[in-house]
C-alpha cells in the first residue's frame, strides 16, 4: 500500500472523527484499518463481525461520504472482518467466505494468523448448504452446571456415537430461553461428530432448511434435496420455532420420519417445548415429544461465574494483558442474570474500555459499564400443565376432569378458572389453550375468560381464590 493511500486514509479518519465526535469514533472506528484501494473500491477491515455489522447498519453512508470528500474517484466502501483475511503466502487459496460448505470455518489463532479448520466431509455441506459454524462453540468451551448437565451429557453421547451403534434417543430435543447455550451444544455436536469422521453431521438452522427446500422446488431438484438430506448420519436443526409454511413443515416431517425410521440421529433445538410449537403440525409435535426432550434452565450465579472466568481466559489468548479481578467477575455474575449473551456483552465492554483507554478494570468501571445489562428478574414462565395441576388440586378434581367433556357444576367452574389463568398468565393463543383443554374451540375459551372476568368483579371469594392460585403458580 502506497504512502499516498495511507495519507488519504489518515485524512479520512480525521474527517470522520470531526463529524461523529471522539467518543463515537473511539467506540466504532478506532480499530478500523485500510486494506486496499482498487478501481474506486475502498476495502476496510475491523476485528469483529459485530463491529462490521454495526458500522454497516449505522455509518456506511457517512464513511463513504468522507472518502468521496477526500477522493472523488471512490464509488464504494467494502467492510471485511480482519480475522477472515487469509495471508496467501501461508494458506491454501479458498473462497472469501469459507463456511462448512467449503474448506471449513476460518478463525484466528493467538498470533493473529488465519487458519482453516477442516470439518468432516466438506462435499456434504457443499451440496446441502449447511449453516456456518462458529469455531468457538465446541464441547471444550462449554461450561457445565446444574441447569445444563443433562443436555450436555445427551449431546456428548450423540456426538461420540459410532456408525452402526443403536440410537439411544431420537430425536434429541433441547429447549430453553435465549442465550442459555442451545446453539453452542448443537454446534459442538457438529464439530465433534464431523471430527470423529464416523458419521456425516449436517447443521442447519430452520431458516436454512426452508431456504434449501424452496430453492430445490424452484430449480426442480426437490427429489435430490430430499434424498441427500435423508442420507445424513446426524441431522442437526437449530431454532425450529422459525419453521414456517405448510409444504416446508410437511417436508420436515417426512425427513424427520425417514431419518428416525432408518436409525439416523436427529438433534433439534428450540426456544420452547414441542407441545408449545403451535405453528407445527400435530404429527410433528408428537414425533418430537417421542424422543428425549431436555430443558436447559436459567444460569445460576455459580455457573455464570464459571462462564465469566472461562471467557476471560479465552480473551487472554488475543489480549494477554487483559485482567479482570475476581470481585468484578463476582459482581457481574451476581447482577447480570438474564442470559449468557449478556455476560459476553459485559466482558466485551470491559475489554473494549481497557484496550481503548488503557485503564485497568475496576469494580467502579464495571458498575458504570454494565448498568443497562442489569435487568429486573423475569417472572417465572407459567405452563398450562402447571395451571391445570394447581387448579385441580385447589378444587379437588382431577386434571382429566378438566380436559373431559363433563358439564357438572363441580367441574365447569374449575375448568373456566383454569382457562382464564391460562389466558392471563401465559402467552398462548385462545386456539392453543382450547386444544390443551381437550380440543375445545377457541370460542369456548373466550366464553370462559369473559365469564370469570365478570364474576371476579362481584364475587370477592372467587377473586381471592384466583389471587391465591396466581401466587402459587408464580412462586
Foldseek 3Di string as FASTA:
>chain_A
DDPVVVVLVVQLLVVVCVVPHDVVCLVQPPQKAWDDADQQETEIEHADPVSVVVCVVPPQVVSQVSSCVSPVRHDHYHYYHQQQDADVVVDPDDDSQDFLLPQHHWGAFLVSHIDHDGFADNPLCVVQVFDGADPCLALVLDFDDPLCVVVLVLLVVLLPDAPPDFDPWAAEEEAAAPFAQPSSSLSNSRRSNRVVNRWAEGEHELVSLVVSCVVCVVVVNNVVNLVSLLRGQEYEYEANLPNDDPVSLVSVLVSSVSNVVVRGYYYYYHHDQLLQSVRHDPSVSVNRVRTHYGYRYFDALVSQLVSLVSVQVVVCSHVVVADDDSVQSSVCSVQQGDHNVLSVVLVVQQVSCCVSVVDHDDNVVSCVRSVVSRDPDDWDQFDLVLLLVLLCVVLVHHSVLLLDPDDDPSNVLSNLLSLLCCVVRHPDALQSSCCVSNRHHSVVSVVSNVVLVVVVVPPVVSVVVSVVSVVVRRD
